Amino acid sequence: MTPAARRVLEAAARLFYERGIHAVGVDLIASEAGVTKKTLYDRFGSKEQIVVEYLADRDERWRAFLAQHLDAARPAPAARVLAVFDASRAWSAKNNSKGCGMVNAHAEISDPSHPAYPIITGQKQWMLALFTGLARDIAPDGADRLGRTLLLLHEGALVAHGLHVIADPIGHARQQAQALLAATGECG
């Protein structure tokens, strides 16, 4: 990616997250990035493609961040589940003052034919698969149910974080996940 394209993507990411995807036009992105609209269109082709690359980049950064937390977690399956909540708490403190970028994007892009839609839903499907895989090591016969419950705790906490309705919703969700894991006999 050229330096100008990188500036476009960084400006778009900041603006889309702060103001909303539909509220931000290519003129503003180009201005904030210090490039011409021609440069923006030469690199990305359309605003839709900028949205796709913004969300794909955000998802890639999240997955890498989460992988570090999972790698650092003790080998116990319950510790790895709780590490997801710990990672989300750390990520949100730094990157998500308005809540989950994917959930926010879905509020604006709910049409399955939009090119960004598969990235949004794909990230949440990946999170469900992650929780279900971790749950399989804890409760093989109830992994699907436990995975869905953990995902709901996690996603609800991310939404609540963005709404600023309760203090430390991700920490609260982590406590609830820990209690749920303890009830299955696997918390450490």
N, C-alpha and C. Protein backbone atom coordinates (compact mmCIF):
# COMPACT_ATOMS: atom_id res chain seq x y z
N MET A 1 0.85 -1.17 0.00
CA MET A 1 0.00 0.00 0.00
C MET A 1 0.90 1.24 0.00
N THR A 2 0.59 2.16 -0.87
CA THR A 2 1.39 3.38 -0.97
C THR A 2 1.17 4.24 0.28
N PRO A 3 2.09 5.14 0.56
CA PRO A 3 1.89 6.04 1.72
C PRO A 3 0.58 6.84 1.62
N ALA A 4 0.24 7.30 0.42
CA ALA A 4 -1.01 8.05 0.26
C ALA A 4 -2.22 7.16 0.54
N ALA A 5 -2.19 5.94 0.04
CA ALA A 5 -3.30 5.02 0.28
C ALA A 5 -3.41 4.70 1.77
N ARG A 6 -2.28 4.53 2.43
CA ARG A 6 -2.28 4.26 3.87
C ARG A 6 -2.91 5.45 4.61
N ARG A 7 -2.58 6.68 4.21
CA ARG A 7 -3.17 7.87 4.84
C ARG A 7 -4.67 7.91 4.61
N VAL A 8 -5.10 7.53 3.42
CA VAL A 8 -6.54 7.49 3.13
C VAL A 8 -7.23 6.49 4.06
N LEU A 9 -6.66 5.32 4.17
CA LEU A 9 -7.26 4.29 5.01
C LEU A 9 -7.27 4.71 6.48
N GLU A 10 -6.20 5.30 6.95
CA GLU A 10 -6.15 5.76 8.35
C GLU A 10 -7.16 6.87 8.61
N ALA A 11 -7.27 7.82 7.68
CA ALA A 11 -8.25 8.90 7.85
C ALA A 11 -9.66 8.34 7.80
N ALA A 12 -9.93 7.47 6.84
CA ALA A 12 -11.26 6.87 6.73
C ALA A 12 -11.61 6.08 7.98
N ALA A 13 -10.67 5.31 8.50
CA ALA A 13 -10.93 4.50 9.70
C ALA A 13 -11.32 5.40 10.87
N ARG A 14 -10.55 6.45 11.06
CA ARG A 14 -10.85 7.36 12.17
C ARG A 14 -12.21 8.02 11.96
N LEU A 15 -12.46 8.53 10.77
CA LEU A 15 -13.72 9.24 10.50
C LEU A 15 -14.92 8.31 10.54
N PHE A 16 -14.81 7.13 9.92
CA PHE A 16 -15.93 6.19 9.93
C PHE A 16 -16.29 5.80 11.35
N TYR A 17 -15.27 5.53 12.17
CA TYR A 17 -15.56 5.11 13.54
C TYR A 17 -16.13 6.26 14.37
N GLU A 18 -15.57 7.44 14.24
CA GLU A 18 -16.01 8.58 15.05
C GLU A 18 -17.37 9.13 14.62
N ARG A 19 -17.62 9.19 13.30
CA ARG A 19 -18.80 9.88 12.80
C ARG A 19 -19.85 8.97 12.16
N GLY A 20 -19.44 7.79 11.75
CA GLY A 20 -20.34 6.89 11.06
C GLY A 20 -20.00 6.82 9.58
N ILE A 21 -20.23 5.67 9.00
CA ILE A 21 -19.86 5.43 7.61
C ILE A 21 -20.65 6.32 6.66
N HIS A 22 -21.96 6.39 6.85
CA HIS A 22 -22.79 7.18 5.94
C HIS A 22 -22.58 8.68 6.10
N ALA A 23 -22.13 9.11 7.25
CA ALA A 23 -21.94 10.54 7.50
C ALA A 23 -20.65 11.09 6.90
N VAL A 24 -19.77 10.21 6.45
CA VAL A 24 -18.46 10.62 5.95
C VAL A 24 -18.40 10.43 4.44
N GLY A 25 -18.06 11.50 3.74
CA GLY A 25 -17.93 11.44 2.29
C GLY A 25 -16.49 11.36 1.86
N VAL A 26 -16.29 11.07 0.57
CA VAL A 26 -14.93 10.95 0.05
C VAL A 26 -14.20 12.29 0.05
N ASP A 27 -14.90 13.38 -0.07
CA ASP A 27 -14.25 14.69 -0.01
C ASP A 27 -13.55 14.88 1.34
N LEU A 28 -14.25 14.56 2.41
CA LEU A 28 -13.68 14.71 3.74
C LEU A 28 -12.50 13.75 3.95
N ILE A 29 -12.66 12.52 3.50
CA ILE A 29 -11.57 11.55 3.63
C ILE A 29 -10.34 12.04 2.89
N ALA A 30 -10.51 12.47 1.66
CA ALA A 30 -9.38 12.96 0.87
C ALA A 30 -8.73 14.15 1.55
N SER A 31 -9.54 15.07 2.03
CA SER A 31 -9.01 16.26 2.71
C SER A 31 -8.21 15.88 3.95
N GLU A 32 -8.78 15.02 4.78
CA GLU A 32 -8.11 14.59 6.02
C GLU A 32 -6.83 13.81 5.74
N ALA A 33 -6.80 13.09 4.61
CA ALA A 33 -5.62 12.30 4.26
C ALA A 33 -4.58 13.12 3.50
N GLY A 34 -4.96 14.33 3.08
CA GLY A 34 -4.02 15.16 2.34
C GLY A 34 -3.77 14.65 0.93
N VAL A 35 -4.81 14.08 0.32
CA VAL A 35 -4.70 13.58 -1.05
C VAL A 35 -5.85 14.16 -1.88
N THR A 36 -5.74 14.01 -3.18
CA THR A 36 -6.83 14.42 -4.05
C THR A 36 -7.88 13.30 -4.13
N LYS A 37 -9.06 13.67 -4.55
CA LYS A 37 -10.09 12.63 -4.76
C LYS A 37 -9.63 11.65 -5.85
N LYS A 38 -8.90 12.16 -6.83
CA LYS A 38 -8.40 11.28 -7.89
C LYS A 38 -7.49 10.21 -7.30
N THR A 39 -6.59 10.59 -6.39
CA THR A 39 -5.72 9.62 -5.75
C THR A 39 -6.54 8.60 -4.98
N LEU A 40 -7.54 9.07 -4.25
CA LEU A 40 -8.41 8.19 -3.48
C LEU A 40 -9.09 7.17 -4.41
N TYR A 41 -9.68 7.65 -5.50
CA TYR A 41 -10.37 6.75 -6.42
C TYR A 41 -9.40 5.86 -7.19
N ASP A 42 -8.21 6.39 -7.50
CA ASP A 42 -7.22 5.55 -8.20
C ASP A 42 -6.84 4.35 -7.34
N ARG A 43 -6.72 4.54 -6.05
CA ARG A 43 -6.30 3.46 -5.16
C ARG A 43 -7.45 2.54 -4.77
N PHE A 44 -8.59 3.13 -4.45
CA PHE A 44 -9.68 2.33 -3.87
C PHE A 44 -10.86 2.10 -4.81
N GLY A 45 -11.04 2.97 -5.79
CA GLY A 45 -12.13 2.78 -6.74
C GLY A 45 -13.47 3.34 -6.31
N SER A 46 -13.79 3.21 -5.02
CA SER A 46 -15.08 3.67 -4.53
C SER A 46 -15.04 3.80 -3.01
N LYS A 47 -16.03 4.52 -2.50
CA LYS A 47 -16.15 4.61 -1.04
C LYS A 47 -16.44 3.23 -0.46
N GLU A 48 -17.25 2.45 -1.15
CA GLU A 48 -17.56 1.10 -0.66
C GLU A 48 -16.29 0.29 -0.44
N GLN A 49 -15.33 0.41 -1.36
CA GLN A 49 -14.08 -0.34 -1.22
C GLN A 49 -13.26 0.17 -0.04
N ILE A 50 -13.32 1.47 0.21
CA ILE A 50 -12.63 2.00 1.39
C ILE A 50 -13.26 1.42 2.65
N VAL A 51 -14.58 1.32 2.67
CA VAL A 51 -15.27 0.73 3.82
C VAL A 51 -14.84 -0.73 3.99
N VAL A 52 -14.79 -1.47 2.91
CA VAL A 52 -14.36 -2.87 2.96
C VAL A 52 -12.95 -2.96 3.55
N GLU A 53 -12.04 -2.15 3.05
CA GLU A 53 -10.65 -2.23 3.53
C GLU A 53 -10.52 -1.74 4.97
N TYR A 54 -11.30 -0.74 5.34
CA TYR A 54 -11.31 -0.28 6.74
C TYR A 54 -11.73 -1.41 7.67
N LEU A 55 -12.83 -2.07 7.35
CA LEU A 55 -13.34 -3.14 8.22
C LEU A 55 -12.41 -4.36 8.20
N ALA A 56 -11.88 -4.69 7.03
CA ALA A 56 -10.96 -5.84 6.95
C ALA A 56 -9.70 -5.56 7.76
N ASP A 57 -9.19 -4.34 7.69
CA ASP A 57 -8.00 -3.98 8.46
C ASP A 57 -8.30 -4.02 9.96
N ARG A 58 -9.45 -3.50 10.35
CA ARG A 58 -9.82 -3.50 11.77
C ARG A 58 -9.94 -4.93 12.27
N ASP A 59 -10.57 -5.80 11.48
CA ASP A 59 -10.73 -7.19 11.86
C ASP A 59 -9.37 -7.89 11.96
N GLU A 60 -8.50 -7.64 11.02
CA GLU A 60 -7.17 -8.25 11.04
C GLU A 60 -6.39 -7.80 12.28
N ARG A 61 -6.45 -6.52 12.59
CA ARG A 61 -5.75 -6.02 13.78
C ARG A 61 -6.34 -6.63 15.05
N TRP A 62 -7.67 -6.77 15.13
CA TRP A 62 -8.31 -7.37 16.30
C TRP A 62 -7.86 -8.82 16.47
N ARG A 63 -7.88 -9.57 15.38
CA ARG A 63 -7.50 -10.98 15.46
C ARG A 63 -6.05 -11.15 15.92
N ALA A 64 -5.17 -10.31 15.43
CA ALA A 64 -3.76 -10.37 15.85
C ALA A 64 -3.62 -10.00 17.33
N PHE A 65 -4.34 -8.98 17.75
CA PHE A 65 -4.33 -8.55 19.15
C PHE A 65 -4.85 -9.67 20.05
N LEU A 66 -5.96 -10.28 19.64
CA LEU A 66 -6.55 -11.37 20.42
C LEU A 66 -5.61 -12.58 20.46
N ALA A 67 -4.96 -12.88 19.35
CA ALA A 67 -4.05 -14.03 19.31
C ALA A 67 -2.94 -13.87 20.35
N GLN A 68 -2.45 -12.66 20.53
CA GLN A 68 -1.41 -12.43 21.54
C GLN A 68 -1.94 -12.74 22.93
N HIS A 69 -3.18 -12.34 23.22
CA HIS A 69 -3.76 -12.62 24.53
C HIS A 69 -4.01 -14.12 24.73
N LEU A 70 -4.47 -14.77 23.68
CA LEU A 70 -4.72 -16.22 23.78
C LEU A 70 -3.41 -16.97 23.97
N ASP A 71 -2.38 -16.55 23.26
CA ASP A 71 -1.06 -17.20 23.40
C ASP A 71 -0.49 -17.01 24.80
N ALA A 72 -0.77 -15.87 25.40
CA ALA A 72 -0.24 -15.58 26.74
C ALA A 72 -1.05 -16.24 27.85
N ALA A 73 -2.26 -16.68 27.52
CA ALA A 73 -3.12 -17.30 28.53
C ALA A 73 -2.57 -18.66 28.94
N ARG A 74 -2.85 -19.03 30.16
CA ARG A 74 -2.46 -20.38 30.62
C ARG A 74 -3.12 -21.41 29.71
N PRO A 75 -2.58 -22.61 29.66
CA PRO A 75 -3.14 -23.60 28.74
C PRO A 75 -4.54 -24.08 29.12
N ALA A 76 -4.98 -23.79 30.32
CA ALA A 76 -6.32 -24.23 30.73
C ALA A 76 -7.37 -23.60 29.82
N PRO A 77 -8.32 -24.38 29.32
CA PRO A 77 -9.34 -23.85 28.41
C PRO A 77 -10.11 -22.67 28.99
N ALA A 78 -10.45 -22.73 30.27
CA ALA A 78 -11.21 -21.62 30.87
C ALA A 78 -10.38 -20.34 30.87
N ALA A 79 -9.09 -20.45 31.10
CA ALA A 79 -8.22 -19.27 31.08
C ALA A 79 -8.20 -18.65 29.69
N ARG A 80 -8.26 -19.48 28.67
CA ARG A 80 -8.27 -18.96 27.30
C ARG A 80 -9.59 -18.26 27.00
N VAL A 81 -10.68 -18.78 27.52
CA VAL A 81 -11.98 -18.09 27.35
C VAL A 81 -11.92 -16.72 28.01
N LEU A 82 -11.44 -16.67 29.23
CA LEU A 82 -11.37 -15.41 29.95
C LEU A 82 -10.39 -14.45 29.29
N ALA A 83 -9.38 -14.98 28.62
CA ALA A 83 -8.43 -14.13 27.90
C ALA A 83 -9.10 -13.36 26.77
N VAL A 84 -10.16 -13.93 26.18
CA VAL A 84 -10.90 -13.20 25.14
C VAL A 84 -11.52 -11.94 25.75
N PHE A 85 -12.11 -12.09 26.91
CA PHE A 85 -12.71 -10.93 27.59
C PHE A 85 -11.64 -9.92 28.00
N ASP A 86 -10.50 -10.42 28.47
CA ASP A 86 -9.40 -9.53 28.84
C ASP A 86 -8.89 -8.76 27.62
N ALA A 87 -8.77 -9.45 26.51
CA ALA A 87 -8.33 -8.79 25.28
C ALA A 87 -9.34 -7.74 24.84
N SER A 88 -10.60 -8.07 24.92
CA SER A 88 -11.64 -7.11 24.52
C SER A 88 -11.64 -5.88 25.42
N ARG A 89 -11.41 -6.11 26.68
CA ARG A 89 -11.34 -4.99 27.63
C ARG A 89 -10.17 -4.07 27.29
N ALA A 90 -9.01 -4.64 27.03
CA ALA A 90 -7.82 -3.86 26.68
C ALA A 90 -8.01 -3.16 25.33
N TRP A 91 -8.53 -3.87 24.35
CA TRP A 91 -8.77 -3.30 23.01
C TRP A 91 -9.77 -2.16 23.11
N SER A 92 -10.84 -2.37 23.83
CA SER A 92 -11.89 -1.35 23.93
C SER A 92 -11.40 -0.09 24.63
N ALA A 93 -10.56 -0.26 25.61
CA ALA A 93 -10.02 0.92 26.31
C ALA A 93 -9.20 1.78 25.36
N LYS A 94 -8.60 1.15 24.37
CA LYS A 94 -7.72 1.86 23.45
C LYS A 94 -8.40 2.23 22.13
N ASN A 95 -9.30 1.37 21.64
CA ASN A 95 -9.82 1.51 20.28
C ASN A 95 -11.33 1.65 20.13
N ASN A 96 -12.08 1.46 21.18
CA ASN A 96 -13.53 1.33 21.02
C ASN A 96 -14.35 2.20 21.94
N SER A 97 -14.09 3.47 22.02
CA SER A 97 -14.88 4.31 22.91
C SER A 97 -16.35 4.36 22.51
N LYS A 98 -16.64 4.07 21.27
CA LYS A 98 -18.02 4.09 20.78
C LYS A 98 -18.58 2.68 20.57
N GLY A 99 -17.92 1.69 21.15
CA GLY A 99 -18.38 0.32 21.01
C GLY A 99 -17.69 -0.40 19.86
N CYS A 100 -18.18 -1.56 19.56
CA CYS A 100 -17.59 -2.42 18.54
C CYS A 100 -17.75 -1.81 17.15
N GLY A 101 -16.64 -1.65 16.45
CA GLY A 101 -16.69 -1.11 15.10
C GLY A 101 -17.52 -1.95 14.14
N MET A 102 -17.51 -3.26 14.32
CA MET A 102 -18.29 -4.14 13.44
C MET A 102 -19.79 -4.00 13.73
N VAL A 103 -20.14 -3.93 15.00
CA VAL A 103 -21.56 -3.75 15.35
C VAL A 103 -22.04 -2.39 14.84
N ASN A 104 -21.21 -1.37 15.02
CA ASN A 104 -21.58 -0.05 14.54
C ASN A 104 -21.73 -0.04 13.02
N ALA A 105 -20.82 -0.71 12.33
CA ALA A 105 -20.91 -0.80 10.87
C ALA A 105 -22.18 -1.53 10.45
N HIS A 106 -22.52 -2.59 11.18
CA HIS A 106 -23.74 -3.33 10.85
C HIS A 106 -24.99 -2.48 11.02
N ALA A 107 -24.97 -1.56 11.97
CA ALA A 107 -26.12 -0.66 12.14
C ALA A 107 -26.35 0.18 10.89
N GLU A 108 -25.29 0.41 10.12
CA GLU A 108 -25.39 1.19 8.89
C GLU A 108 -25.43 0.34 7.63
N ILE A 109 -24.88 -0.85 7.72
CA ILE A 109 -24.79 -1.73 6.54
C ILE A 109 -25.44 -3.06 6.90
N SER A 110 -26.72 -3.15 6.64
CA SER A 110 -27.42 -4.40 6.94
C SER A 110 -27.84 -5.14 5.67
N ASP A 111 -27.48 -4.61 4.53
CA ASP A 111 -27.80 -5.22 3.25
C ASP A 111 -26.76 -6.28 2.92
N PRO A 112 -27.17 -7.55 2.83
CA PRO A 112 -26.21 -8.62 2.53
C PRO A 112 -25.49 -8.46 1.19
N SER A 113 -26.01 -7.63 0.29
CA SER A 113 -25.34 -7.46 -1.00
C SER A 113 -24.22 -6.40 -0.93
N HIS A 114 -24.12 -5.68 0.17
CA HIS A 114 -23.03 -4.70 0.30
C HIS A 114 -21.72 -5.46 0.44
N PRO A 115 -20.66 -5.04 -0.24
CA PRO A 115 -19.40 -5.78 -0.19
C PRO A 115 -18.76 -5.85 1.20
N ALA A 116 -19.13 -4.98 2.11
CA ALA A 116 -18.58 -5.03 3.47
C ALA A 116 -19.35 -5.98 4.38
N TYR A 117 -20.55 -6.34 3.99
CA TYR A 117 -21.41 -7.17 4.85
C TYR A 117 -20.74 -8.50 5.24
N PRO A 118 -20.11 -9.20 4.30
CA PRO A 118 -19.46 -10.47 4.69
C PRO A 118 -18.32 -10.28 5.70
N ILE A 119 -17.67 -9.14 5.67
CA ILE A 119 -16.60 -8.90 6.64
C ILE A 119 -17.20 -8.72 8.03
N ILE A 120 -18.27 -7.96 8.10
CA ILE A 120 -18.94 -7.70 9.38
C ILE A 120 -19.44 -9.00 9.98
N THR A 121 -20.25 -9.72 9.23
CA THR A 121 -20.83 -10.96 9.75
C THR A 121 -19.77 -12.04 9.89
N GLY A 122 -18.78 -12.02 9.02
CA GLY A 122 -17.71 -13.00 9.11
C GLY A 122 -16.92 -12.88 10.40
N GLN A 123 -16.71 -11.65 10.84
CA GLN A 123 -15.98 -11.46 12.09
C GLN A 123 -16.77 -12.03 13.26
N LYS A 124 -18.06 -11.83 13.26
CA LYS A 124 -18.88 -12.35 14.36
C LYS A 124 -19.01 -13.87 14.27
N GLN A 125 -19.07 -14.42 13.07
CA GLN A 125 -19.08 -15.87 12.91
C GLN A 125 -17.76 -16.47 13.39
N TRP A 126 -16.66 -15.77 13.11
CA TRP A 126 -15.35 -16.22 13.57
C TRP A 126 -15.30 -16.22 15.10
N MET A 127 -15.85 -15.18 15.71
CA MET A 127 -15.88 -15.12 17.18
C MET A 127 -16.72 -16.25 17.74
N LEU A 128 -17.85 -16.56 17.12
CA LEU A 128 -18.67 -17.68 17.57
C LEU A 128 -17.89 -18.99 17.46
N ALA A 129 -17.21 -19.18 16.34
CA ALA A 129 -16.41 -20.40 16.17
C ALA A 129 -15.28 -20.47 17.20
N LEU A 130 -14.68 -19.34 17.50
CA LEU A 130 -13.63 -19.31 18.52
C LEU A 130 -14.18 -19.73 19.88
N PHE A 131 -15.27 -19.10 20.31
CA PHE A 131 -15.85 -19.45 21.60
C PHE A 131 -16.32 -20.90 21.62
N THR A 132 -16.90 -21.37 20.53
CA THR A 132 -17.36 -22.76 20.48
C THR A 132 -16.18 -23.72 20.55
N GLY A 133 -15.11 -23.41 19.86
CA GLY A 133 -13.91 -24.25 19.92
C GLY A 133 -13.32 -24.29 21.32
N LEU A 134 -13.26 -23.13 21.97
CA LEU A 134 -12.77 -23.09 23.35
C LEU A 134 -13.71 -23.86 24.27
N ALA A 135 -15.01 -23.74 24.02
CA ALA A 135 -16.01 -24.43 24.85
C ALA A 135 -15.92 -25.95 24.67
N ARG A 136 -15.53 -26.38 23.49
CA ARG A 136 -15.43 -27.82 23.21
C ARG A 136 -14.42 -28.48 24.15
N ASP A 137 -13.39 -27.73 24.52
CA ASP A 137 -12.39 -28.27 25.45
C ASP A 137 -12.89 -28.27 26.89
N ILE A 138 -13.97 -27.57 27.15
CA ILE A 138 -14.52 -27.46 28.51
C ILE A 138 -15.72 -28.38 28.69
N ALA A 139 -16.63 -28.33 27.74
CA ALA A 139 -17.87 -29.10 27.82
C ALA A 139 -18.19 -29.66 26.43
N PRO A 140 -17.54 -30.75 26.05
CA PRO A 140 -17.71 -31.27 24.68
C PRO A 140 -19.16 -31.47 24.26
N ASP A 141 -19.99 -31.96 25.17
CA ASP A 141 -21.38 -32.21 24.80
C ASP A 141 -22.22 -30.94 24.73
N GLY A 142 -21.79 -29.88 25.37
CA GLY A 142 -22.56 -28.63 25.38
C GLY A 142 -21.81 -27.48 24.74
N ALA A 143 -20.84 -27.79 23.88
CA ALA A 143 -19.97 -26.75 23.32
C ALA A 143 -20.74 -25.71 22.51
N ASP A 144 -21.70 -26.16 21.71
CA ASP A 144 -22.44 -25.19 20.89
C ASP A 144 -23.21 -24.21 21.76
N ARG A 145 -23.89 -24.75 22.76
CA ARG A 145 -24.67 -23.88 23.66
C ARG A 145 -23.76 -22.95 24.46
N LEU A 146 -22.68 -23.50 25.01
CA LEU A 146 -21.76 -22.69 25.79
C LEU A 146 -21.09 -21.63 24.91
N GLY A 147 -20.71 -21.99 23.71
CA GLY A 147 -20.10 -21.04 22.78
C GLY A 147 -21.03 -19.89 22.45
N ARG A 148 -22.30 -20.20 22.19
CA ARG A 148 -23.29 -19.15 21.90
C ARG A 148 -23.49 -18.24 23.10
N THR A 149 -23.55 -18.83 24.30
CA THR A 149 -23.74 -18.03 25.51
C THR A 149 -22.55 -17.11 25.75
N LEU A 150 -21.34 -17.63 25.56
CA LEU A 150 -20.15 -16.80 25.72
C LEU A 150 -20.13 -15.67 24.70
N LEU A 151 -20.52 -15.97 23.46
CA LEU A 151 -20.57 -14.93 22.43
C LEU A 151 -21.58 -13.85 22.81
N LEU A 152 -22.73 -14.25 23.30
CA LEU A 152 -23.74 -13.27 23.69
C LEU A 152 -23.26 -12.39 24.84
N LEU A 153 -22.59 -12.98 25.81
CA LEU A 153 -22.00 -12.18 26.89
C LEU A 153 -20.99 -11.19 26.33
N HIS A 154 -20.14 -11.66 25.46
CA HIS A 154 -19.09 -10.84 24.88
C HIS A 154 -19.67 -9.69 24.05
N GLU A 155 -20.54 -10.02 23.14
CA GLU A 155 -21.10 -9.00 22.24
C GLU A 155 -21.98 -8.01 22.99
N GLY A 156 -22.75 -8.49 23.94
CA GLY A 156 -23.55 -7.58 24.76
C GLY A 156 -22.68 -6.61 25.52
N ALA A 157 -21.55 -7.09 26.00
CA ALA A 157 -20.62 -6.21 26.73
C ALA A 157 -20.04 -5.15 25.81
N LEU A 158 -19.73 -5.53 24.57
CA LEU A 158 -19.19 -4.55 23.62
C LEU A 158 -20.21 -3.46 23.30
N VAL A 159 -21.45 -3.86 23.12
CA VAL A 159 -22.51 -2.88 22.86
C VAL A 159 -22.69 -1.98 24.07
N ALA A 160 -22.76 -2.56 25.26
CA ALA A 160 -22.93 -1.76 26.48
C ALA A 160 -21.74 -0.82 26.68
N HIS A 161 -20.56 -1.27 26.32
CA HIS A 161 -19.37 -0.40 26.43
C HIS A 161 -19.57 0.87 25.59
N GLY A 162 -20.06 0.71 24.39
CA GLY A 162 -20.28 1.86 23.50
C GLY A 162 -21.39 2.77 23.96
N LEU A 163 -22.35 2.21 24.68
CA LEU A 163 -23.48 3.01 25.16
C LEU A 163 -23.18 3.75 26.46
N HIS A 164 -22.14 3.31 27.18
CA HIS A 164 -21.74 3.95 28.45
C HIS A 164 -22.89 3.95 29.47
N VAL A 165 -23.64 2.86 29.51
CA VAL A 165 -24.78 2.76 30.41
C VAL A 165 -24.36 2.21 31.78
N ILE A 166 -23.46 1.24 31.77
CA ILE A 166 -22.97 0.68 33.02
C ILE A 166 -21.45 0.76 33.04
N ALA A 167 -20.90 0.79 34.22
CA ALA A 167 -19.45 0.85 34.36
C ALA A 167 -18.85 -0.52 34.05
N ASP A 168 -17.78 -0.54 33.30
CA ASP A 168 -17.00 -1.74 33.00
C ASP A 168 -17.85 -2.94 32.58
N PRO A 169 -18.63 -2.80 31.51
CA PRO A 169 -19.46 -3.93 31.09
C PRO A 169 -18.66 -5.16 30.66
N ILE A 170 -17.46 -4.95 30.11
CA ILE A 170 -16.67 -6.09 29.68
C ILE A 170 -16.14 -6.84 30.90
N GLY A 171 -15.75 -6.12 31.93
CA GLY A 171 -15.34 -6.76 33.18
C GLY A 171 -16.50 -7.53 33.81
N HIS A 172 -17.68 -6.95 33.75
CA HIS A 172 -18.87 -7.63 34.29
C HIS A 172 -19.16 -8.90 33.48
N ALA A 173 -19.08 -8.80 32.15
CA ALA A 173 -19.31 -9.97 31.31
C ALA A 173 -18.27 -11.05 31.59
N ARG A 174 -17.03 -10.63 31.84
CA ARG A 174 -15.97 -11.59 32.18
C ARG A 174 -16.32 -12.33 33.47
N GLN A 175 -16.82 -11.60 34.46
CA GLN A 175 -17.22 -12.23 35.72
C GLN A 175 -18.34 -13.23 35.49
N GLN A 176 -19.30 -12.87 34.64
CA GLN A 176 -20.40 -13.78 34.34
C GLN A 176 -19.90 -15.01 33.58
N ALA A 177 -18.96 -14.80 32.68
CA ALA A 177 -18.37 -15.94 31.96
C ALA A 177 -17.63 -16.84 32.93
N GLN A 178 -16.90 -16.25 33.86
CA GLN A 178 -16.16 -17.03 34.86
C GLN A 178 -17.13 -17.85 35.72
N ALA A 179 -18.25 -17.25 36.10
CA ALA A 179 -19.26 -17.97 36.89
C ALA A 179 -19.87 -19.11 36.07
N LEU A 180 -20.12 -18.85 34.82
CA LEU A 180 -20.67 -19.88 33.93
C LEU A 180 -19.68 -21.05 33.79
N LEU A 181 -18.40 -20.71 33.60
CA LEU A 181 -17.39 -21.75 33.49
C LEU A 181 -17.24 -22.53 34.80
N ALA A 182 -17.33 -21.82 35.91
CA ALA A 182 -17.25 -22.50 37.22
C ALA A 182 -18.41 -23.48 37.40
N ALA A 183 -19.57 -23.09 36.87
CA ALA A 183 -20.74 -23.98 36.98
C ALA A 183 -20.55 -25.25 36.14
N THR A 184 -19.69 -25.18 35.13
CA THR A 184 -19.41 -26.39 34.35
C THR A 184 -18.25 -27.18 34.96
N GLY A 185 -17.67 -26.63 36.04
CA GLY A 185 -16.57 -27.30 36.72
C GLY A 185 -15.21 -27.01 36.11
N GLU A 186 -15.14 -25.97 35.26
CA GLU A 186 -13.88 -25.68 34.55
C GLU A 186 -13.51 -24.22 34.68
N CYS A 187 -13.13 -23.76 35.81
CA CYS A 187 -12.65 -22.39 35.90
C CYS A 187 -11.35 -22.35 36.64
N GLY A 188 -10.36 -21.70 36.01
CA GLY A 188 -9.08 -21.64 36.66
C GLY A 188 -8.32 -20.41 36.34
